[in-house]
Amino acid sequence: MNSARLILSVLFIGCMVWLWYPYLNQTPTETMIKDDIIAEPDYTAVALKQTAFDAQGKISHKVTAAKMELYQQLGFTYFEKPIFTLYNQQKTWQINANEATLYENKQLILEGDVVAKNLTDNAMIEHINANNIHVDIELQTMGSEQPVELIGPNLKITGRGLQADLKAEVIELINHTRTIYYDQ
């Protein structure tokens, strides 16, 4: 009887190893990749060109981007290499960056080599350079807490922090560092 128990034990252990072998042989990277993905986009667009209108039917803003991903459940849209053009009667601003995130409440955060160009003729500030800019599309305001550079036809202003009202064409530098005036 001892040999029968031994044979049954060996068969039982052999069956268990055979059944559990696929689970024991899995690589940990396969399971980690699945766990690292927080959410999948609802849809993705490549070479996006979009125009948005306000309640009065006027153009609010235009967007072009190399790639766009909509995460509707999370409440935001992600853009790669975006160019946002904001319209406000005669005054127009074009803002581009390496990436941007647009939230459902019309808050736009642009990051990485951000350049905001003033498309209005004869403007004192022609463009703004920063690493990070926050834009409220509905209120037409722009702000940053990072170092910024304001460049005009005859001047260059650097500082940290920026508040701008694009409708009123008022730009306030929070912490002024340096101003350079060029000869005319």
N, C-alpha and C. Protein backbone atom coordinates (compact mmCIF):
# COMPACT_ATOMS: atom_id res chain seq x y z
N MET A 1 0.80 -1.19 0.00
CA MET A 1 0.00 0.00 0.00
C MET A 1 0.84 1.26 0.00
N ASN A 2 1.98 1.14 0.55
CA ASN A 2 2.88 2.25 0.56
C ASN A 2 3.26 2.69 -0.85
N SER A 3 3.51 1.74 -1.72
CA SER A 3 3.88 2.07 -3.09
C SER A 3 2.69 2.67 -3.85
N ALA A 4 1.47 2.28 -3.56
CA ALA A 4 0.28 2.86 -4.21
C ALA A 4 0.13 4.32 -3.82
N ARG A 5 0.35 4.62 -2.53
CA ARG A 5 0.27 6.02 -2.08
C ARG A 5 1.36 6.85 -2.75
N LEU A 6 2.51 6.31 -2.87
CA LEU A 6 3.61 7.01 -3.50
C LEU A 6 3.31 7.30 -4.98
N ILE A 7 2.78 6.30 -5.68
CA ILE A 7 2.43 6.48 -7.10
C ILE A 7 1.32 7.53 -7.25
N LEU A 8 0.30 7.47 -6.40
CA LEU A 8 -0.79 8.45 -6.45
C LEU A 8 -0.28 9.86 -6.12
N SER A 9 0.60 9.97 -5.17
CA SER A 9 1.17 11.28 -4.82
C SER A 9 1.97 11.85 -5.98
N VAL A 10 2.78 10.99 -6.62
CA VAL A 10 3.56 11.46 -7.76
C VAL A 10 2.64 11.87 -8.90
N LEU A 11 1.59 11.10 -9.18
CA LEU A 11 0.63 11.45 -10.24
C LEU A 11 -0.09 12.76 -9.90
N PHE A 12 -0.49 12.93 -8.64
CA PHE A 12 -1.18 14.15 -8.22
C PHE A 12 -0.26 15.36 -8.39
N ILE A 13 0.98 15.26 -7.92
CA ILE A 13 1.93 16.37 -8.05
C ILE A 13 2.23 16.65 -9.52
N GLY A 14 2.37 15.60 -10.32
CA GLY A 14 2.60 15.77 -11.76
C GLY A 14 1.45 16.49 -12.43
N CYS A 15 0.22 16.13 -12.09
CA CYS A 15 -0.96 16.80 -12.68
C CYS A 15 -1.02 18.27 -12.25
N MET A 16 -0.71 18.54 -10.99
CA MET A 16 -0.76 19.91 -10.50
C MET A 16 0.30 20.78 -11.21
N VAL A 17 1.49 20.23 -11.37
CA VAL A 17 2.54 20.97 -12.07
C VAL A 17 2.14 21.19 -13.51
N TRP A 18 1.56 20.18 -14.15
CA TRP A 18 1.12 20.32 -15.55
C TRP A 18 0.03 21.37 -15.68
N LEU A 19 -0.92 21.43 -14.74
CA LEU A 19 -2.00 22.41 -14.79
C LEU A 19 -1.52 23.83 -14.46
N TRP A 20 -0.62 23.95 -13.52
CA TRP A 20 -0.16 25.27 -13.08
C TRP A 20 1.03 25.79 -13.87
N TYR A 21 1.63 25.01 -14.72
CA TYR A 21 2.84 25.40 -15.46
C TYR A 21 2.64 26.70 -16.27
N PRO A 22 1.54 26.89 -17.01
CA PRO A 22 1.38 28.15 -17.76
C PRO A 22 1.35 29.39 -16.86
N TYR A 23 0.74 29.26 -15.67
CA TYR A 23 0.68 30.41 -14.76
C TYR A 23 2.02 30.69 -14.11
N LEU A 24 2.77 29.68 -13.83
CA LEU A 24 4.08 29.85 -13.21
C LEU A 24 5.12 30.35 -14.21
N ASN A 25 4.89 30.10 -15.50
CA ASN A 25 5.85 30.45 -16.54
C ASN A 25 5.60 31.84 -17.14
N GLN A 26 4.56 32.56 -16.70
CA GLN A 26 4.27 33.90 -17.23
C GLN A 26 5.37 34.88 -16.85
N THR A 27 5.67 35.79 -17.78
CA THR A 27 6.65 36.83 -17.47
C THR A 27 5.92 37.97 -16.76
N PRO A 28 6.55 38.61 -15.79
CA PRO A 28 5.89 39.68 -15.05
C PRO A 28 5.66 40.94 -15.88
N THR A 29 6.39 41.16 -16.97
CA THR A 29 6.21 42.37 -17.78
C THR A 29 4.86 42.37 -18.48
N GLU A 30 4.35 41.22 -18.86
CA GLU A 30 3.06 41.19 -19.53
C GLU A 30 1.96 41.71 -18.61
N THR A 31 1.96 41.31 -17.38
CA THR A 31 0.93 41.78 -16.45
C THR A 31 1.16 43.23 -16.07
N MET A 32 2.41 43.69 -15.99
CA MET A 32 2.69 45.07 -15.64
C MET A 32 2.25 46.03 -16.74
N ILE A 33 2.39 45.65 -17.98
CA ILE A 33 1.97 46.52 -19.09
C ILE A 33 0.48 46.76 -19.01
N LYS A 34 -0.29 45.74 -18.72
CA LYS A 34 -1.74 45.90 -18.62
C LYS A 34 -2.11 46.78 -17.44
N ASP A 35 -1.37 46.69 -16.32
CA ASP A 35 -1.66 47.48 -15.15
C ASP A 35 -1.26 48.94 -15.32
N ASP A 36 -0.23 49.24 -16.14
CA ASP A 36 0.24 50.60 -16.34
C ASP A 36 -0.72 51.46 -17.14
N ILE A 37 -1.55 50.88 -17.97
CA ILE A 37 -2.49 51.62 -18.79
C ILE A 37 -3.66 52.06 -17.93
N ILE A 38 -3.79 53.38 -17.74
CA ILE A 38 -4.86 53.90 -16.91
C ILE A 38 -6.16 53.94 -17.69
N ALA A 39 -6.12 54.45 -18.90
CA ALA A 39 -7.32 54.57 -19.72
C ALA A 39 -6.94 54.56 -21.19
N GLU A 40 -7.82 54.06 -21.98
CA GLU A 40 -7.66 54.09 -23.43
C GLU A 40 -8.46 55.27 -23.97
N PRO A 41 -7.95 55.98 -24.99
CA PRO A 41 -8.73 57.09 -25.54
C PRO A 41 -9.99 56.59 -26.22
N ASP A 42 -11.05 57.42 -26.15
CA ASP A 42 -12.29 57.06 -26.82
C ASP A 42 -12.12 57.10 -28.33
N TYR A 43 -11.37 58.07 -28.80
CA TYR A 43 -10.94 58.07 -30.20
C TYR A 43 -9.70 58.91 -30.37
N THR A 44 -9.00 58.66 -31.46
CA THR A 44 -7.75 59.33 -31.78
C THR A 44 -7.85 59.91 -33.18
N ALA A 45 -7.33 61.11 -33.35
CA ALA A 45 -7.29 61.74 -34.68
C ALA A 45 -5.86 62.10 -35.01
N VAL A 46 -5.48 61.92 -36.24
CA VAL A 46 -4.15 62.27 -36.73
C VAL A 46 -4.32 63.40 -37.74
N ALA A 47 -3.43 64.38 -37.71
CA ALA A 47 -3.49 65.57 -38.58
C ALA A 47 -4.85 66.27 -38.41
N LEU A 48 -5.17 66.60 -37.17
CA LEU A 48 -6.45 67.21 -36.82
C LEU A 48 -6.53 68.66 -37.28
N LYS A 49 -7.67 69.04 -37.81
CA LYS A 49 -8.01 70.43 -38.12
C LYS A 49 -9.45 70.62 -37.68
N GLN A 50 -9.67 71.54 -36.72
CA GLN A 50 -11.00 71.71 -36.14
C GLN A 50 -11.28 73.19 -35.92
N THR A 51 -12.51 73.61 -36.13
CA THR A 51 -12.94 74.97 -35.87
C THR A 51 -14.09 74.93 -34.88
N ALA A 52 -14.01 75.76 -33.82
CA ALA A 52 -15.06 75.81 -32.79
C ALA A 52 -15.73 77.18 -32.85
N PHE A 53 -17.03 77.20 -32.62
CA PHE A 53 -17.82 78.43 -32.68
C PHE A 53 -18.40 78.75 -31.32
N ASP A 54 -18.63 80.05 -31.04
CA ASP A 54 -19.24 80.45 -29.77
C ASP A 54 -20.76 80.42 -29.91
N ALA A 55 -21.47 80.86 -28.86
CA ALA A 55 -22.94 80.82 -28.85
C ALA A 55 -23.57 81.73 -29.91
N GLN A 56 -22.85 82.79 -30.32
CA GLN A 56 -23.36 83.70 -31.35
C GLN A 56 -23.04 83.24 -32.76
N GLY A 57 -22.34 82.13 -32.90
CA GLY A 57 -22.01 81.59 -34.21
C GLY A 57 -20.72 82.12 -34.79
N LYS A 58 -19.97 82.89 -34.01
CA LYS A 58 -18.68 83.40 -34.47
C LYS A 58 -17.59 82.39 -34.14
N ILE A 59 -16.50 82.45 -34.90
CA ILE A 59 -15.40 81.52 -34.65
C ILE A 59 -14.77 81.86 -33.30
N SER A 60 -14.73 80.88 -32.42
CA SER A 60 -14.11 81.03 -31.10
C SER A 60 -12.62 80.72 -31.19
N HIS A 61 -12.32 79.55 -31.77
CA HIS A 61 -10.92 79.14 -31.93
C HIS A 61 -10.81 78.04 -32.96
N LYS A 62 -9.59 77.90 -33.49
CA LYS A 62 -9.27 76.82 -34.41
C LYS A 62 -8.13 76.02 -33.80
N VAL A 63 -8.12 74.73 -34.11
CA VAL A 63 -7.08 73.84 -33.60
C VAL A 63 -6.54 73.00 -34.74
N THR A 64 -5.22 72.93 -34.84
CA THR A 64 -4.58 71.94 -35.68
C THR A 64 -3.58 71.21 -34.79
N ALA A 65 -3.43 69.91 -35.02
CA ALA A 65 -2.51 69.12 -34.20
C ALA A 65 -2.04 67.91 -34.98
N ALA A 66 -0.84 67.46 -34.66
CA ALA A 66 -0.31 66.25 -35.29
C ALA A 66 -1.13 65.04 -34.84
N LYS A 67 -1.55 65.04 -33.57
CA LYS A 67 -2.34 63.93 -33.03
C LYS A 67 -3.21 64.45 -31.90
N MET A 68 -4.43 63.90 -31.80
CA MET A 68 -5.36 64.27 -30.75
C MET A 68 -5.96 62.99 -30.18
N GLU A 69 -6.07 62.92 -28.85
CA GLU A 69 -6.70 61.79 -28.18
C GLU A 69 -7.77 62.32 -27.23
N LEU A 70 -9.00 61.83 -27.38
CA LEU A 70 -10.11 62.25 -26.52
C LEU A 70 -10.32 61.20 -25.44
N TYR A 71 -10.27 61.63 -24.18
CA TYR A 71 -10.56 60.79 -23.03
C TYR A 71 -11.84 61.33 -22.40
N GLN A 72 -12.97 60.95 -22.95
CA GLN A 72 -14.24 61.52 -22.55
C GLN A 72 -14.59 61.20 -21.11
N GLN A 73 -14.34 59.99 -20.68
CA GLN A 73 -14.67 59.60 -19.31
C GLN A 73 -13.82 60.37 -18.29
N LEU A 74 -12.58 60.68 -18.64
CA LEU A 74 -11.71 61.44 -17.75
C LEU A 74 -11.90 62.95 -17.89
N GLY A 75 -12.56 63.39 -18.95
CA GLY A 75 -12.90 64.80 -19.11
C GLY A 75 -11.84 65.68 -19.73
N PHE A 76 -10.98 65.13 -20.57
CA PHE A 76 -9.98 65.97 -21.22
C PHE A 76 -9.62 65.43 -22.59
N THR A 77 -8.96 66.30 -23.38
CA THR A 77 -8.45 65.95 -24.70
C THR A 77 -6.97 66.30 -24.72
N TYR A 78 -6.16 65.38 -25.23
CA TYR A 78 -4.71 65.56 -25.28
C TYR A 78 -4.29 65.80 -26.73
N PHE A 79 -3.38 66.77 -26.93
CA PHE A 79 -2.90 67.13 -28.27
C PHE A 79 -1.38 67.01 -28.32
N GLU A 80 -0.86 66.55 -29.45
CA GLU A 80 0.57 66.57 -29.73
C GLU A 80 0.81 67.59 -30.83
N LYS A 81 1.80 68.45 -30.64
CA LYS A 81 2.16 69.52 -31.58
C LYS A 81 0.95 70.37 -31.98
N PRO A 82 0.22 70.91 -30.99
CA PRO A 82 -0.99 71.68 -31.32
C PRO A 82 -0.67 73.13 -31.71
N ILE A 83 -1.58 73.71 -32.49
CA ILE A 83 -1.59 75.13 -32.79
C ILE A 83 -3.02 75.60 -32.56
N PHE A 84 -3.21 76.43 -31.53
CA PHE A 84 -4.52 76.98 -31.22
C PHE A 84 -4.55 78.42 -31.70
N THR A 85 -5.57 78.79 -32.45
CA THR A 85 -5.76 80.16 -32.89
C THR A 85 -7.01 80.68 -32.21
N LEU A 86 -6.86 81.70 -31.34
CA LEU A 86 -7.97 82.27 -30.58
C LEU A 86 -8.45 83.54 -31.26
N TYR A 87 -9.76 83.63 -31.52
CA TYR A 87 -10.34 84.79 -32.20
C TYR A 87 -11.12 85.65 -31.22
N ASN A 88 -10.94 86.97 -31.33
CA ASN A 88 -11.66 87.92 -30.50
C ASN A 88 -11.83 89.20 -31.31
N GLN A 89 -12.90 89.31 -32.04
CA GLN A 89 -13.18 90.43 -32.93
C GLN A 89 -12.00 90.66 -33.86
N GLN A 90 -11.26 91.79 -33.74
CA GLN A 90 -10.13 92.03 -34.63
C GLN A 90 -8.83 91.46 -34.08
N LYS A 91 -8.78 91.13 -32.82
CA LYS A 91 -7.55 90.67 -32.19
C LYS A 91 -7.47 89.15 -32.26
N THR A 92 -6.33 88.63 -32.68
CA THR A 92 -6.16 87.19 -32.83
C THR A 92 -4.81 86.78 -32.26
N TRP A 93 -4.80 85.65 -31.54
CA TRP A 93 -3.57 85.07 -31.00
C TRP A 93 -3.44 83.64 -31.49
N GLN A 94 -2.23 83.26 -31.82
CA GLN A 94 -1.95 81.88 -32.23
C GLN A 94 -0.93 81.31 -31.24
N ILE A 95 -1.27 80.19 -30.61
CA ILE A 95 -0.42 79.60 -29.58
C ILE A 95 -0.07 78.18 -30.00
N ASN A 96 1.22 77.87 -30.03
CA ASN A 96 1.64 76.51 -30.34
C ASN A 96 2.56 75.99 -29.26
N ALA A 97 2.65 74.65 -29.17
CA ALA A 97 3.45 74.00 -28.12
C ALA A 97 3.77 72.58 -28.54
N ASN A 98 4.56 71.91 -27.72
CA ASN A 98 4.84 70.49 -27.98
C ASN A 98 3.64 69.62 -27.66
N GLU A 99 2.92 69.97 -26.58
CA GLU A 99 1.73 69.21 -26.20
C GLU A 99 0.77 70.11 -25.44
N ALA A 100 -0.48 69.70 -25.41
CA ALA A 100 -1.51 70.48 -24.72
C ALA A 100 -2.60 69.55 -24.21
N THR A 101 -3.29 70.02 -23.17
CA THR A 101 -4.43 69.31 -22.62
C THR A 101 -5.58 70.30 -22.52
N LEU A 102 -6.72 69.95 -23.11
CA LEU A 102 -7.92 70.78 -23.07
C LEU A 102 -8.95 70.08 -22.21
N TYR A 103 -9.40 70.76 -21.16
CA TYR A 103 -10.39 70.18 -20.25
C TYR A 103 -11.79 70.62 -20.66
N GLU A 104 -12.80 69.94 -20.15
CA GLU A 104 -14.19 70.20 -20.54
C GLU A 104 -14.64 71.62 -20.20
N ASN A 105 -14.03 72.25 -19.20
CA ASN A 105 -14.42 73.61 -18.82
C ASN A 105 -13.67 74.68 -19.62
N LYS A 106 -13.14 74.30 -20.79
CA LYS A 106 -12.44 75.21 -21.73
C LYS A 106 -11.13 75.73 -21.16
N GLN A 107 -10.54 75.01 -20.23
CA GLN A 107 -9.21 75.35 -19.70
C GLN A 107 -8.19 74.59 -20.53
N LEU A 108 -7.21 75.30 -21.04
CA LEU A 108 -6.20 74.72 -21.91
C LEU A 108 -4.83 74.90 -21.27
N ILE A 109 -4.08 73.81 -21.15
CA ILE A 109 -2.73 73.88 -20.60
C ILE A 109 -1.77 73.44 -21.71
N LEU A 110 -0.89 74.36 -22.10
CA LEU A 110 0.10 74.09 -23.14
C LEU A 110 1.46 73.93 -22.48
N GLU A 111 2.22 72.93 -22.92
CA GLU A 111 3.51 72.65 -22.30
C GLU A 111 4.57 72.37 -23.35
N GLY A 112 5.80 72.80 -23.06
CA GLY A 112 6.94 72.51 -23.92
C GLY A 112 7.10 73.48 -25.07
N ASP A 113 8.05 74.38 -24.98
CA ASP A 113 8.35 75.35 -26.03
C ASP A 113 7.09 76.08 -26.52
N VAL A 114 6.38 76.69 -25.60
CA VAL A 114 5.15 77.40 -25.93
C VAL A 114 5.48 78.76 -26.53
N VAL A 115 4.85 79.07 -27.67
CA VAL A 115 5.00 80.37 -28.32
C VAL A 115 3.60 80.89 -28.62
N ALA A 116 3.29 82.07 -28.05
CA ALA A 116 2.01 82.74 -28.30
C ALA A 116 2.29 83.94 -29.20
N LYS A 117 1.77 83.91 -30.42
CA LYS A 117 2.01 84.99 -31.38
C LYS A 117 0.79 85.90 -31.45
N ASN A 118 1.04 87.18 -31.37
CA ASN A 118 -0.01 88.17 -31.52
C ASN A 118 -0.13 88.47 -33.01
N LEU A 119 -1.26 88.13 -33.62
CA LEU A 119 -1.43 88.31 -35.06
C LEU A 119 -2.00 89.68 -35.42
N THR A 120 -2.14 90.55 -34.41
CA THR A 120 -2.62 91.91 -34.63
C THR A 120 -1.47 92.76 -35.17
N ASP A 121 -1.74 93.55 -36.21
CA ASP A 121 -0.72 94.42 -36.79
C ASP A 121 -0.30 95.50 -35.80
N ASN A 122 0.98 95.87 -35.84
CA ASN A 122 1.56 96.96 -35.04
C ASN A 122 1.35 96.78 -33.54
N ALA A 123 1.39 95.56 -33.06
CA ALA A 123 1.22 95.31 -31.64
C ALA A 123 2.55 95.55 -30.91
N MET A 124 2.45 96.02 -29.66
CA MET A 124 3.66 96.26 -28.87
C MET A 124 4.34 94.94 -28.51
N ILE A 125 3.56 93.91 -28.22
CA ILE A 125 4.09 92.57 -27.92
C ILE A 125 3.74 91.68 -29.11
N GLU A 126 4.76 91.19 -29.82
CA GLU A 126 4.53 90.35 -30.99
C GLU A 126 4.38 88.88 -30.62
N HIS A 127 5.19 88.41 -29.67
CA HIS A 127 5.01 87.03 -29.22
C HIS A 127 5.57 86.84 -27.81
N ILE A 128 5.07 85.76 -27.18
CA ILE A 128 5.42 85.40 -25.82
C ILE A 128 5.99 83.99 -25.86
N ASN A 129 7.15 83.80 -25.24
CA ASN A 129 7.77 82.48 -25.14
C ASN A 129 7.72 82.01 -23.69
N ALA A 130 7.37 80.75 -23.49
CA ALA A 130 7.34 80.17 -22.14
C ALA A 130 7.43 78.65 -22.26
N ASN A 131 7.61 78.00 -21.16
CA ASN A 131 7.62 76.54 -21.16
C ASN A 131 6.24 75.99 -20.83
N ASN A 132 5.40 76.81 -20.18
CA ASN A 132 4.08 76.36 -19.76
C ASN A 132 3.16 77.56 -19.75
N ILE A 133 2.00 77.46 -20.41
CA ILE A 133 1.01 78.54 -20.40
C ILE A 133 -0.37 77.92 -20.21
N HIS A 134 -1.18 78.58 -19.38
CA HIS A 134 -2.56 78.18 -19.12
C HIS A 134 -3.48 79.19 -19.81
N VAL A 135 -4.45 78.70 -20.59
CA VAL A 135 -5.35 79.59 -21.32
C VAL A 135 -6.80 79.24 -20.97
N ASP A 136 -7.59 80.27 -20.66
CA ASP A 136 -9.04 80.10 -20.49
C ASP A 136 -9.66 80.56 -21.81
N ILE A 137 -10.15 79.62 -22.59
CA ILE A 137 -10.63 79.94 -23.94
C ILE A 137 -11.86 80.83 -23.90
N GLU A 138 -12.79 80.60 -22.96
CA GLU A 138 -14.01 81.41 -22.90
C GLU A 138 -13.73 82.84 -22.45
N LEU A 139 -12.92 83.00 -21.41
CA LEU A 139 -12.62 84.33 -20.90
C LEU A 139 -11.52 85.03 -21.69
N GLN A 140 -10.83 84.30 -22.57
CA GLN A 140 -9.73 84.84 -23.36
C GLN A 140 -8.63 85.40 -22.45
N THR A 141 -8.24 84.59 -21.46
CA THR A 141 -7.13 84.99 -20.58
C THR A 141 -6.01 83.96 -20.71
N MET A 142 -4.81 84.41 -20.37
CA MET A 142 -3.65 83.55 -20.47
C MET A 142 -2.77 83.82 -19.25
N GLY A 143 -2.15 82.77 -18.71
CA GLY A 143 -1.30 82.94 -17.55
C GLY A 143 -0.21 81.89 -17.48
N SER A 144 0.82 82.21 -16.72
CA SER A 144 1.91 81.28 -16.49
C SER A 144 2.60 81.65 -15.20
N GLU A 145 3.12 80.66 -14.50
CA GLU A 145 3.91 80.90 -13.30
C GLU A 145 5.39 80.62 -13.58
N GLN A 146 5.69 80.23 -14.79
CA GLN A 146 7.05 79.87 -15.20
C GLN A 146 7.76 81.11 -15.76
N PRO A 147 9.06 81.01 -16.03
CA PRO A 147 9.77 82.11 -16.71
C PRO A 147 9.16 82.36 -18.09
N VAL A 148 9.00 83.63 -18.42
CA VAL A 148 8.42 84.03 -19.70
C VAL A 148 9.30 85.08 -20.36
N GLU A 149 9.10 85.22 -21.66
CA GLU A 149 9.84 86.19 -22.45
C GLU A 149 8.84 86.88 -23.38
N LEU A 150 8.71 88.19 -23.25
CA LEU A 150 7.83 88.98 -24.11
C LEU A 150 8.70 89.69 -25.13
N ILE A 151 8.37 89.53 -26.40
CA ILE A 151 9.19 90.11 -27.46
C ILE A 151 8.32 90.99 -28.34
N GLY A 152 8.79 92.22 -28.55
CA GLY A 152 8.12 93.18 -29.41
C GLY A 152 9.05 93.64 -30.50
N PRO A 153 8.61 94.57 -31.33
CA PRO A 153 9.47 95.02 -32.43
C PRO A 153 10.76 95.69 -31.95
N ASN A 154 10.73 96.36 -30.80
CA ASN A 154 11.91 97.07 -30.33
C ASN A 154 12.29 96.73 -28.88
N LEU A 155 11.76 95.63 -28.35
CA LEU A 155 12.06 95.31 -26.97
C LEU A 155 11.98 93.82 -26.69
N LYS A 156 12.62 93.45 -25.58
CA LYS A 156 12.58 92.07 -25.09
C LYS A 156 12.49 92.15 -23.57
N ILE A 157 11.44 91.58 -23.01
CA ILE A 157 11.20 91.63 -21.57
C ILE A 157 11.21 90.20 -21.04
N THR A 158 11.95 89.96 -19.98
CA THR A 158 11.96 88.64 -19.36
C THR A 158 11.50 88.76 -17.92
N GLY A 159 10.92 87.68 -17.43
CA GLY A 159 10.44 87.66 -16.06
C GLY A 159 9.86 86.31 -15.71
N ARG A 160 9.24 86.25 -14.55
CA ARG A 160 8.61 85.01 -14.08
C ARG A 160 7.17 85.32 -13.76
N GLY A 161 6.27 84.57 -14.38
CA GLY A 161 4.84 84.75 -14.14
C GLY A 161 4.23 85.75 -15.10
N LEU A 162 3.01 85.45 -15.53
CA LEU A 162 2.34 86.27 -16.53
C LEU A 162 0.83 86.15 -16.34
N GLN A 163 0.15 87.28 -16.44
CA GLN A 163 -1.31 87.31 -16.50
C GLN A 163 -1.66 88.17 -17.71
N ALA A 164 -2.51 87.67 -18.58
CA ALA A 164 -2.87 88.43 -19.79
C ALA A 164 -4.36 88.32 -20.05
N ASP A 165 -4.95 89.45 -20.40
CA ASP A 165 -6.34 89.50 -20.87
C ASP A 165 -6.25 89.77 -22.36
N LEU A 166 -6.53 88.74 -23.16
CA LEU A 166 -6.35 88.87 -24.61
C LEU A 166 -7.41 89.77 -25.25
N LYS A 167 -8.60 89.87 -24.64
CA LYS A 167 -9.63 90.76 -25.18
C LYS A 167 -9.23 92.22 -25.03
N ALA A 168 -8.74 92.57 -23.86
CA ALA A 168 -8.38 93.96 -23.59
C ALA A 168 -6.95 94.27 -24.01
N GLU A 169 -6.19 93.26 -24.47
CA GLU A 169 -4.80 93.43 -24.86
C GLU A 169 -3.97 93.98 -23.70
N VAL A 170 -4.20 93.42 -22.49
CA VAL A 170 -3.44 93.81 -21.31
C VAL A 170 -2.60 92.62 -20.88
N ILE A 171 -1.29 92.84 -20.80
CA ILE A 171 -0.37 91.79 -20.40
C ILE A 171 0.41 92.29 -19.19
N GLU A 172 0.36 91.52 -18.10
CA GLU A 172 1.03 91.90 -16.86
C GLU A 172 2.08 90.86 -16.52
N LEU A 173 3.30 91.30 -16.34
CA LEU A 173 4.39 90.44 -15.94
C LEU A 173 4.43 90.45 -14.41
N ILE A 174 4.35 89.29 -13.78
CA ILE A 174 4.26 89.21 -12.32
C ILE A 174 5.60 89.58 -11.66
N ASN A 175 6.68 88.99 -12.12
CA ASN A 175 7.98 89.25 -11.52
C ASN A 175 8.95 89.62 -12.64
N HIS A 176 9.13 90.91 -12.84
CA HIS A 176 9.98 91.43 -13.92
C HIS A 176 11.45 91.17 -13.60
N THR A 177 12.19 90.69 -14.59
CA THR A 177 13.61 90.43 -14.41
C THR A 177 14.47 91.41 -15.20
N ARG A 178 14.13 91.57 -16.48
CA ARG A 178 15.01 92.38 -17.34
C ARG A 178 14.24 92.88 -18.56
N THR A 179 14.59 94.09 -19.00
CA THR A 179 14.03 94.66 -20.23
C THR A 179 15.17 95.17 -21.08
N ILE A 180 15.13 94.85 -22.35
CA ILE A 180 16.13 95.32 -23.30
C ILE A 180 15.39 96.08 -24.40
N TYR A 181 15.79 97.35 -24.62
CA TYR A 181 15.24 98.15 -25.70
C TYR A 181 16.24 98.16 -26.85
N TYR A 182 15.75 97.93 -28.05
CA TYR A 182 16.61 97.94 -29.22
C TYR A 182 16.49 99.28 -29.92
N ASP A 183 17.57 99.72 -30.59
CA ASP A 183 17.54 100.97 -31.34
C ASP A 183 16.54 100.85 -32.49
N GLN A 184 15.90 101.96 -32.77
CA GLN A 184 14.89 101.95 -33.84
C GLN A 184 15.50 102.34 -35.15
